[in-house]
Amino acid sequence: MLTVDFSRFPLAPGDRVLDLGCGAGRHAFECYRRGAQVVALDQNGEEIREVAKWFAAMKEAGEAPEGATATAMEGDALNLPFPDESFDVVIISEVMEHIPDDKGVLAEMVRVLRPGGRIAVTVPRYGPEKVCWALSDAYHEVEGGHIRIYKADELLAKMREAGLKPYGQHHAHALHSPYWWLKCAFGVDNDKALPVRAYHKLLVWDIMKKPLVTRLAEQALNPIVGKSFVAYATKPHLAPLDKVAAK
């Protein structure tokens, strides 16, 4: 299940991609399939080891085109182990809401992104997330949990402040909002509640089969209750006078 829409955020074979806070690797895997040179980075060593195993399995199965590369590594989002302008593309999906110094993370992403490069940022959407927080303290008051809820304008303003130029936005995963509301209502760790189990089966069916009825329903509902807010931006090239001033 992808949150970034690659029809709005196109990749070219050979693009150098950083999937920052990659988690289980869903976006990194898609970039690898598209022929990119991917680095998947996360602070969770266990998840990184699993991502590395999947990269190896994909290579063995011939899922990645010739020339594509994939590396999984542990790292700190606030201190990225890469030189300036190392990447053509940076993706950070459902990560920034966990990090106290979100401006520091944006600054690091901008540092490692080449001028003219593209960045995709996804965070939980304000409305559906507020419902989750209202229904359950346990949803967000956990170690490593969500520490803030972004309004779209707030996130876009922080991206501009970091030196990025937003060019597109949308919402995603409307069908997942009711699932999380049910989880929060019945207990975030209670997967046995009948409504939660029933809705989970619906989501699995939708992800596996992609039936037209649910695809159309989600498309219609995304602007209203989409679970995620997705923003795309570029890192502008410095004008000649700006380059002189920077020196």
C-alpha atoms as a PDB file:
ATOM      1  CA  MET A   1       0.000   0.000   0.000  1.00  0.00           C
ATOM      2  CA  LEU A   2       1.693   3.175  -1.233  1.00  0.00           C
ATOM      3  CA  THR A   3       0.989   6.648   0.095  1.00  0.00           C
ATOM      4  CA  VAL A   4       3.144   8.487  -2.438  1.00  0.00           C
ATOM      5  CA  ASP A   5       1.451   8.669  -5.848  1.00  0.00           C
ATOM      6  CA  PHE A   6       4.182   7.983  -8.391  1.00  0.00           C
ATOM      7  CA  SER A   7       2.047   9.336 -11.216  1.00  0.00           C
ATOM      8  CA  ARG A   8       2.418  12.742  -9.503  1.00  0.00           C
ATOM      9  CA  PHE A   9       5.961  12.044  -8.316  1.00  0.00           C
ATOM     10  CA  PRO A  10       7.667  10.336 -11.266  1.00  0.00           C
ATOM     11  CA  LEU A  11      10.944   8.464 -10.952  1.00  0.00           C
ATOM     12  CA  ALA A  12      13.482   7.890 -13.695  1.00  0.00           C
ATOM     13  CA  PRO A  13      15.687   4.781 -13.865  1.00  0.00           C
ATOM     14  CA  GLY A  14      18.952   5.561 -12.120  1.00  0.00           C
ATOM     15  CA  ASP A  15      17.506   8.222  -9.811  1.00  0.00           C
ATOM     16  CA  ARG A  16      19.273   8.260  -6.449  1.00  0.00           C
ATOM     17  CA  VAL A  17      16.496   7.855  -3.871  1.00  0.00           C
ATOM     18  CA  LEU A  18      16.545   8.146  -0.081  1.00  0.00           C
ATOM     19  CA  ASP A  19      13.567   6.587   1.711  1.00  0.00           C
ATOM     20  CA  LEU A  20      14.011   8.239   5.107  1.00  0.00           C
ATOM     21  CA  GLY A  21      12.368   6.431   7.997  1.00  0.00           C
ATOM     22  CA  CYS A  22      11.564   3.614   5.590  1.00  0.00           C
ATOM     23  CA  GLY A  23       9.861   1.363   8.151  1.00  0.00           C
ATOM     24  CA  ALA A  24       8.907  -1.899   6.465  1.00  0.00           C
ATOM     25  CA  GLY A  25      10.169  -0.544   3.130  1.00  0.00           C
ATOM     26  CA  ARG A  26       7.034  -0.195   1.003  1.00  0.00           C
ATOM     27  CA  HIS A  27       8.157   2.929  -0.880  1.00  0.00           C
ATOM     28  CA  ALA A  28      11.768   1.757  -1.120  1.00  0.00           C
ATOM     29  CA  PHE A  29      10.613  -1.480  -2.769  1.00  0.00           C
ATOM     30  CA  GLU A  30       8.530   0.414  -5.320  1.00  0.00           C
ATOM     31  CA  CYS A  31      11.449   2.722  -6.177  1.00  0.00           C
ATOM     32  CA  TYR A  32      13.707  -0.324  -6.599  1.00  0.00           C
ATOM     33  CA  ARG A  33      11.188  -1.901  -8.972  1.00  0.00           C
ATOM     34  CA  ARG A  34      11.226   1.321 -10.983  1.00  0.00           C
ATOM     35  CA  GLY A  35      14.988   1.122 -11.524  1.00  0.00           C
ATOM     36  CA  ALA A  36      16.202   3.608  -8.914  1.00  0.00           C
ATOM     37  CA  GLN A  37      19.361   3.497  -6.829  1.00  0.00           C
ATOM     38  CA  VAL A  38      17.691   3.251  -3.446  1.00  0.00           C
ATOM     39  CA  VAL A  39      18.895   3.814   0.090  1.00  0.00           C
ATOM     40  CA  ALA A  40      16.344   2.780   2.731  1.00  0.00           C
ATOM     41  CA  LEU A  41      17.259   4.278   6.111  1.00  0.00           C
ATOM     42  CA  ASP A  42      15.626   3.798   9.496  1.00  0.00           C
ATOM     43  CA  GLN A  43      16.705   3.891  13.131  1.00  0.00           C
ATOM     44  CA  ASN A  44      14.990   0.554  13.789  1.00  0.00           C
ATOM     45  CA  GLY A  45      17.629  -2.118  13.202  1.00  0.00           C
ATOM     46  CA  GLU A  46      15.146  -4.993  13.169  1.00  0.00           C
ATOM     47  CA  GLU A  47      13.085  -3.408  10.402  1.00  0.00           C
ATOM     48  CA  ILE A  48      16.218  -2.567   8.419  1.00  0.00           C
ATOM     49  CA  ARG A  49      17.354  -6.191   8.530  1.00  0.00           C
ATOM     50  CA  GLU A  50      13.951  -7.267   7.171  1.00  0.00           C
ATOM     51  CA  VAL A  51      14.104  -4.654   4.424  1.00  0.00           C
ATOM     52  CA  ALA A  52      17.583  -5.897   3.448  1.00  0.00           C
ATOM     53  CA  LYS A  53      16.228  -9.454   3.197  1.00  0.00           C
ATOM     54  CA  TRP A  54      13.409  -8.297   0.919  1.00  0.00           C
ATOM     55  CA  PHE A  55      15.825  -6.350  -1.278  1.00  0.00           C
ATOM     56  CA  ALA A  56      17.883  -9.519  -1.704  1.00  0.00           C
ATOM     57  CA  ALA A  57      14.774 -11.578  -2.466  1.00  0.00           C
ATOM     58  CA  MET A  58      13.613  -9.029  -5.048  1.00  0.00           C
ATOM     59  CA  LYS A  59      17.007  -9.107  -6.753  1.00  0.00           C
ATOM     60  CA  GLU A  60      17.012 -12.904  -6.838  1.00  0.00           C
ATOM     61  CA  ALA A  61      13.491 -12.955  -8.262  1.00  0.00           C
ATOM     62  CA  GLY A  62      14.420 -10.477 -10.993  1.00  0.00           C
ATOM     63  CA  GLU A  63      11.932  -7.848  -9.795  1.00  0.00           C
ATOM     64  CA  ALA A  64      14.367  -4.952 -10.195  1.00  0.00           C
ATOM     65  CA  PRO A  65      15.623  -3.737 -13.598  1.00  0.00           C
ATOM     66  CA  GLU A  66      19.263  -3.901 -14.584  1.00  0.00           C
ATOM     67  CA  GLY A  67      21.191  -1.032 -13.031  1.00  0.00           C
ATOM     68  CA  ALA A  68      18.888  -0.658 -10.037  1.00  0.00           C
ATOM     69  CA  THR A  69      20.558  -0.869  -6.632  1.00  0.00           C
ATOM     70  CA  ALA A  70      19.210  -1.112  -3.105  1.00  0.00           C
ATOM     71  CA  THR A  71      20.835  -0.592   0.292  1.00  0.00           C
ATOM     72  CA  ALA A  72      19.224  -0.824   3.725  1.00  0.00           C
ATOM     73  CA  MET A  73      20.961   0.900   6.619  1.00  0.00           C
ATOM     74  CA  GLU A  74      20.431   2.163  10.139  1.00  0.00           C
ATOM     75  CA  GLY A  75      20.771   5.888  10.632  1.00  0.00           C
ATOM     76  CA  ASP A  76      19.676   9.065  12.384  1.00  0.00           C
ATOM     77  CA  ALA A  77      17.324  11.357  10.470  1.00  0.00           C
ATOM     78  CA  LEU A  78      18.844  14.364  12.220  1.00  0.00           C
ATOM     79  CA  ASN A  79      22.402  13.419  11.262  1.00  0.00           C
ATOM     80  CA  LEU A  80      22.301  11.749   7.862  1.00  0.00           C
ATOM     81  CA  PRO A  81      25.547   9.977   6.896  1.00  0.00           C
ATOM     82  CA  PHE A  82      25.622  11.385   3.370  1.00  0.00           C
ATOM     83  CA  PRO A  83      27.412  14.292   1.659  1.00  0.00           C
ATOM     84  CA  ASP A  84      25.514  17.353   0.487  1.00  0.00           C
ATOM     85  CA  GLU A  85      23.417  16.914  -2.662  1.00  0.00           C
ATOM     86  CA  SER A  86      23.692  13.099  -2.639  1.00  0.00           C
ATOM     87  CA  PHE A  87      20.142  12.317  -3.826  1.00  0.00           C
ATOM     88  CA  ASP A  88      17.796  13.166  -6.657  1.00  0.00           C
ATOM     89  CA  VAL A  89      14.724  12.160  -4.648  1.00  0.00           C
ATOM     90  CA  VAL A  90      13.872  12.003  -0.935  1.00  0.00           C
ATOM     91  CA  ILE A  91      10.756  10.329   0.475  1.00  0.00           C
ATOM     92  CA  ILE A  92       9.694  10.650   4.111  1.00  0.00           C
ATOM     93  CA  SER A  93       6.370   8.927   4.770  1.00  0.00           C
ATOM     94  CA  GLU A  94       4.498   8.952   8.101  1.00  0.00           C
ATOM     95  CA  VAL A  95       7.659   9.889  10.020  1.00  0.00           C
ATOM     96  CA  MET A  96       7.723  13.603  10.823  1.00  0.00           C
ATOM     97  CA  GLU A  97       4.826  13.380  13.275  1.00  0.00           C
ATOM     98  CA  HIS A  98       7.086  11.217  15.477  1.00  0.00           C
ATOM     99  CA  ILE A  99      10.100  13.554  15.614  1.00  0.00           C
ATOM    100  CA  PRO A 100      10.351  16.512  18.031  1.00  0.00           C
ATOM    101  CA  ASP A 101      12.809  18.427  15.821  1.00  0.00           C
ATOM    102  CA  ASP A 102      10.887  18.282  12.557  1.00  0.00           C
ATOM    103  CA  LYS A 103      12.624  21.431  11.287  1.00  0.00           C
ATOM    104  CA  GLY A 104      15.976  19.706  11.821  1.00  0.00           C
ATOM    105  CA  VAL A 105      14.813  16.719   9.770  1.00  0.00           C
ATOM    106  CA  LEU A 106      13.649  18.976   6.948  1.00  0.00           C
ATOM    107  CA  ALA A 107      17.002  20.778   7.000  1.00  0.00           C
ATOM    108  CA  GLU A 108      18.881  17.475   6.690  1.00  0.00           C
ATOM    109  CA  MET A 109      16.674  16.322   3.821  1.00  0.00           C
ATOM    110  CA  VAL A 110      17.226  19.585   1.976  1.00  0.00           C
ATOM    111  CA  ARG A 111      20.983  19.313   2.577  1.00  0.00           C
ATOM    112  CA  VAL A 112      21.286  15.865   0.976  1.00  0.00           C
ATOM    113  CA  LEU A 113      18.896  16.669  -1.907  1.00  0.00           C
ATOM    114  CA  ARG A 114      20.464  18.063  -5.075  1.00  0.00           C
ATOM    115  CA  PRO A 115      19.192  21.367  -6.497  1.00  0.00           C
ATOM    116  CA  GLY A 116      16.285  20.537  -8.768  1.00  0.00           C
ATOM    117  CA  GLY A 117      15.626  17.352  -6.801  1.00  0.00           C
ATOM    118  CA  ARG A 118      12.206  16.293  -5.550  1.00  0.00           C
ATOM    119  CA  ILE A 119      10.849  15.436  -2.141  1.00  0.00           C
ATOM    120  CA  ALA A 120       7.641  13.735  -1.000  1.00  0.00           C
ATOM    121  CA  VAL A 121       6.386  14.209   2.554  1.00  0.00           C
ATOM    122  CA  THR A 122       3.397  12.347   3.992  1.00  0.00           C
ATOM    123  CA  VAL A 123       1.861  12.813   7.444  1.00  0.00           C
ATOM    124  CA  PRO A 124      -1.439  11.869   9.099  1.00  0.00           C
ATOM    125  CA  ARG A 125      -4.153  14.308   8.061  1.00  0.00           C
ATOM    126  CA  TYR A 126      -5.405  16.756  10.688  1.00  0.00           C
ATOM    127  CA  GLY A 127      -9.123  15.850  10.816  1.00  0.00           C
ATOM    128  CA  PRO A 128      -8.975  12.037  10.948  1.00  0.00           C
ATOM    129  CA  GLU A 129      -5.986  12.216  13.299  1.00  0.00           C
ATOM    130  CA  LYS A 130      -7.841  14.528  15.715  1.00  0.00           C
ATOM    131  CA  VAL A 131     -10.626  11.937  15.908  1.00  0.00           C
ATOM    132  CA  CYS A 132      -8.084   9.242  16.826  1.00  0.00           C
ATOM    133  CA  TRP A 133      -6.559  11.423  19.552  1.00  0.00           C
ATOM    134  CA  ALA A 134     -10.026  12.234  20.929  1.00  0.00           C
ATOM    135  CA  LEU A 135     -11.025   8.555  21.066  1.00  0.00           C
ATOM    136  CA  SER A 136      -7.834   7.160  22.598  1.00  0.00           C
ATOM    137  CA  ASP A 137      -4.925   8.481  24.649  1.00  0.00           C
ATOM    138  CA  ALA A 138      -3.120   5.174  24.069  1.00  0.00           C
ATOM    139  CA  TYR A 139      -3.102   5.881  20.317  1.00  0.00           C
ATOM    140  CA  HIS A 140      -0.533   8.640  20.703  1.00  0.00           C
ATOM    141  CA  GLU A 141       0.762   8.604  24.286  1.00  0.00           C
ATOM    142  CA  VAL A 142       3.272   5.817  23.719  1.00  0.00           C
ATOM    143  CA  GLU A 143       7.029   5.827  23.306  1.00  0.00           C
ATOM    144  CA  GLY A 144       7.825   6.708  19.716  1.00  0.00           C
ATOM    145  CA  GLY A 145       4.196   7.662  19.061  1.00  0.00           C
ATOM    146  CA  HIS A 146       2.723  10.694  17.355  1.00  0.00           C
ATOM    147  CA  ILE A 147       3.666  13.914  19.124  1.00  0.00           C
ATOM    148  CA  ARG A 148       1.900  16.415  16.867  1.00  0.00           C
ATOM    149  CA  ILE A 149      -0.909  16.747  14.347  1.00  0.00           C
ATOM    150  CA  TYR A 150      -0.105  18.784  11.258  1.00  0.00           C
ATOM    151  CA  LYS A 151      -2.460  21.120   9.515  1.00  0.00           C
ATOM    152  CA  ALA A 152      -1.695  21.143   5.797  1.00  0.00           C
ATOM    153  CA  ASP A 153      -0.802  24.845   5.750  1.00  0.00           C
ATOM    154  CA  GLU A 154       1.545  24.379   8.707  1.00  0.00           C
ATOM    155  CA  LEU A 155       3.475  21.570   7.027  1.00  0.00           C
ATOM    156  CA  LEU A 156       3.708  23.440   3.722  1.00  0.00           C
ATOM    157  CA  ALA A 157       4.960  26.542   5.537  1.00  0.00           C
ATOM    158  CA  LYS A 158       7.700  24.526   7.253  1.00  0.00           C
ATOM    159  CA  MET A 159       8.712  23.028   3.910  1.00  0.00           C
ATOM    160  CA  ARG A 160       8.965  26.509   2.358  1.00  0.00           C
ATOM    161  CA  GLU A 161      10.923  27.762   5.364  1.00  0.00           C
ATOM    162  CA  ALA A 162      13.397  24.901   4.813  1.00  0.00           C
ATOM    163  CA  GLY A 163      13.988  26.118   1.253  1.00  0.00           C
ATOM    164  CA  LEU A 164      11.628  23.818  -0.638  1.00  0.00           C
ATOM    165  CA  LYS A 165       9.076  24.803  -3.268  1.00  0.00           C
ATOM    166  CA  PRO A 166       5.829  22.791  -2.922  1.00  0.00           C
ATOM    167  CA  TYR A 167       4.180  21.948  -6.228  1.00  0.00           C
ATOM    168  CA  GLY A 168       1.416  19.470  -5.419  1.00  0.00           C
ATOM    169  CA  GLN A 169      -0.630  17.858  -2.685  1.00  0.00           C
ATOM    170  CA  HIS A 170      -3.419  15.340  -2.154  1.00  0.00           C
ATOM    171  CA  HIS A 171      -4.967  13.027   0.440  1.00  0.00           C
ATOM    172  CA  ALA A 172      -4.762   9.237   0.574  1.00  0.00           C
ATOM    173  CA  HIS A 173      -6.167   6.146   2.301  1.00  0.00           C
ATOM    174  CA  ALA A 174      -9.707   7.307   3.097  1.00  0.00           C
ATOM    175  CA  LEU A 175     -10.802   3.708   3.709  1.00  0.00           C
ATOM    176  CA  HIS A 176      -8.218   3.429   6.484  1.00  0.00           C
ATOM    177  CA  SER A 177      -9.584   6.286   8.592  1.00  0.00           C
ATOM    178  CA  PRO A 178     -12.639   4.339   9.864  1.00  0.00           C
ATOM    179  CA  TYR A 179     -10.380   1.382  10.676  1.00  0.00           C
ATOM    180  CA  TRP A 180      -8.247   3.512  12.995  1.00  0.00           C
ATOM    181  CA  TRP A 181     -11.303   5.116  14.535  1.00  0.00           C
ATOM    182  CA  LEU A 182     -12.586   1.634  15.363  1.00  0.00           C
ATOM    183  CA  LYS A 183      -9.178   0.649  16.739  1.00  0.00           C
ATOM    184  CA  CYS A 184      -9.135   3.706  18.968  1.00  0.00           C
ATOM    185  CA  ALA A 185     -12.727   3.175  20.110  1.00  0.00           C
ATOM    186  CA  PHE A 186     -12.279  -0.515  21.008  1.00  0.00           C
ATOM    187  CA  GLY A 187      -8.651  -0.302  22.170  1.00  0.00           C
ATOM    188  CA  VAL A 188      -5.603   0.158  19.961  1.00  0.00           C
ATOM    189  CA  ASP A 189      -4.227  -3.221  21.062  1.00  0.00           C
ATOM    190  CA  ASN A 190      -7.562  -5.017  20.836  1.00  0.00           C
ATOM    191  CA  ASP A 191      -7.557  -6.718  17.450  1.00  0.00           C
ATOM    192  CA  LYS A 192     -10.227  -9.228  18.524  1.00  0.00           C
ATOM    193  CA  ALA A 193     -13.148  -6.797  18.620  1.00  0.00           C
ATOM    194  CA  LEU A 194     -15.627  -7.897  15.945  1.00  0.00           C
ATOM    195  CA  PRO A 195     -15.939  -4.501  14.187  1.00  0.00           C
ATOM    196  CA  VAL A 196     -12.153  -4.193  14.036  1.00  0.00           C
ATOM    197  CA  ARG A 197     -11.707  -7.722  12.647  1.00  0.00           C
ATOM    198  CA  ALA A 198     -14.477  -7.264  10.098  1.00  0.00           C
ATOM    199  CA  TYR A 199     -13.142  -3.966   8.822  1.00  0.00           C
ATOM    200  CA  HIS A 200      -9.606  -5.339   8.683  1.00  0.00           C
ATOM    201  CA  LYS A 201     -10.833  -8.137   6.404  1.00  0.00           C
ATOM    202  CA  LEU A 202     -12.352  -5.495   4.132  1.00  0.00           C
ATOM    203  CA  LEU A 203      -9.039  -3.626   3.943  1.00  0.00           C
ATOM    204  CA  VAL A 204      -7.073  -6.788   3.179  1.00  0.00           C
ATOM    205  CA  TRP A 205      -9.565  -7.693   0.452  1.00  0.00           C
ATOM    206  CA  ASP A 206      -9.251  -4.198  -1.001  1.00  0.00           C
ATOM    207  CA  ILE A 207      -5.429  -4.247  -0.958  1.00  0.00           C
ATOM    208  CA  MET A 208      -5.185  -7.718  -2.483  1.00  0.00           C
ATOM    209  CA  LYS A 209      -7.976  -7.541  -5.063  1.00  0.00           C
ATOM    210  CA  LYS A 210      -8.212  -3.799  -5.784  1.00  0.00           C
ATOM    211  CA  PRO A 211     -11.897  -4.058  -6.760  1.00  0.00           C
ATOM    212  CA  LEU A 212     -13.323  -1.169  -8.740  1.00  0.00           C
ATOM    213  CA  VAL A 213     -16.011  -0.396  -6.153  1.00  0.00           C
ATOM    214  CA  THR A 214     -13.578   0.284  -3.309  1.00  0.00           C
ATOM    215  CA  ARG A 215     -11.092   2.070  -5.590  1.00  0.00           C
ATOM    216  CA  LEU A 216     -13.834   4.464  -6.709  1.00  0.00           C
ATOM    217  CA  ALA A 217     -15.109   4.866  -3.157  1.00  0.00           C
ATOM    218  CA  GLU A 218     -11.667   5.741  -1.824  1.00  0.00           C
ATOM    219  CA  GLN A 219     -11.028   8.153  -4.672  1.00  0.00           C
ATOM    220  CA  ALA A 220     -14.279   9.964  -3.848  1.00  0.00           C
ATOM    221  CA  LEU A 221     -13.668   9.971  -0.096  1.00  0.00           C
ATOM    222  CA  ASN A 222      -9.979  10.923  -0.078  1.00  0.00           C
ATOM    223  CA  PRO A 223     -10.638  14.691  -0.189  1.00  0.00           C
ATOM    224  CA  ILE A 224     -13.019  14.331   2.774  1.00  0.00           C
ATOM    225  CA  VAL A 225     -11.526  11.743   5.146  1.00  0.00           C
ATOM    226  CA  GLY A 226      -8.218  10.702   3.585  1.00  0.00           C
ATOM    227  CA  LYS A 227      -6.002   9.382   6.397  1.00  0.00           C
ATOM    228  CA  SER A 228      -2.782  10.875   5.008  1.00  0.00           C
ATOM    229  CA  PHE A 229      -1.807  14.280   3.664  1.00  0.00           C
ATOM    230  CA  VAL A 230       0.832  14.108   0.915  1.00  0.00           C
ATOM    231  CA  ALA A 231       2.927  17.067  -0.242  1.00  0.00           C
ATOM    232  CA  TYR A 232       5.426  17.206  -3.112  1.00  0.00           C
ATOM    233  CA  ALA A 233       8.154  19.819  -3.487  1.00  0.00           C
ATOM    234  CA  THR A 234      11.359  20.631  -5.317  1.00  0.00           C
ATOM    235  CA  LYS A 235      14.628  22.112  -4.114  1.00  0.00           C
ATOM    236  CA  PRO A 236      15.138  25.198  -6.291  1.00  0.00           C
ATOM    237  CA  HIS A 237      18.396  25.905  -8.044  1.00  0.00           C
ATOM    238  CA  LEU A 238      20.252  28.843  -6.533  1.00  0.00           C
ATOM    239  CA  ALA A 239      20.270  31.946  -8.719  1.00  0.00           C
ATOM    240  CA  PRO A 240      23.774  33.243  -9.571  1.00  0.00           C
ATOM    241  CA  LEU A 241      23.496  36.123  -7.053  1.00  0.00           C
ATOM    242  CA  ASP A 242      22.368  33.679  -4.363  1.00  0.00           C
ATOM    243  CA  LYS A 243      25.414  31.514  -5.022  1.00  0.00           C
ATOM    244  CA  VAL A 244      27.707  34.498  -4.547  1.00  0.00           C
ATOM    245  CA  ALA A 245      25.928  35.479  -1.333  1.00  0.00           C
ATOM    246  CA  ALA A 246      26.163  31.900  -0.039  1.00  0.00           C
ATOM    247  CA  LYS A 247      29.955  32.033  -0.384  1.00  0.00           C
END
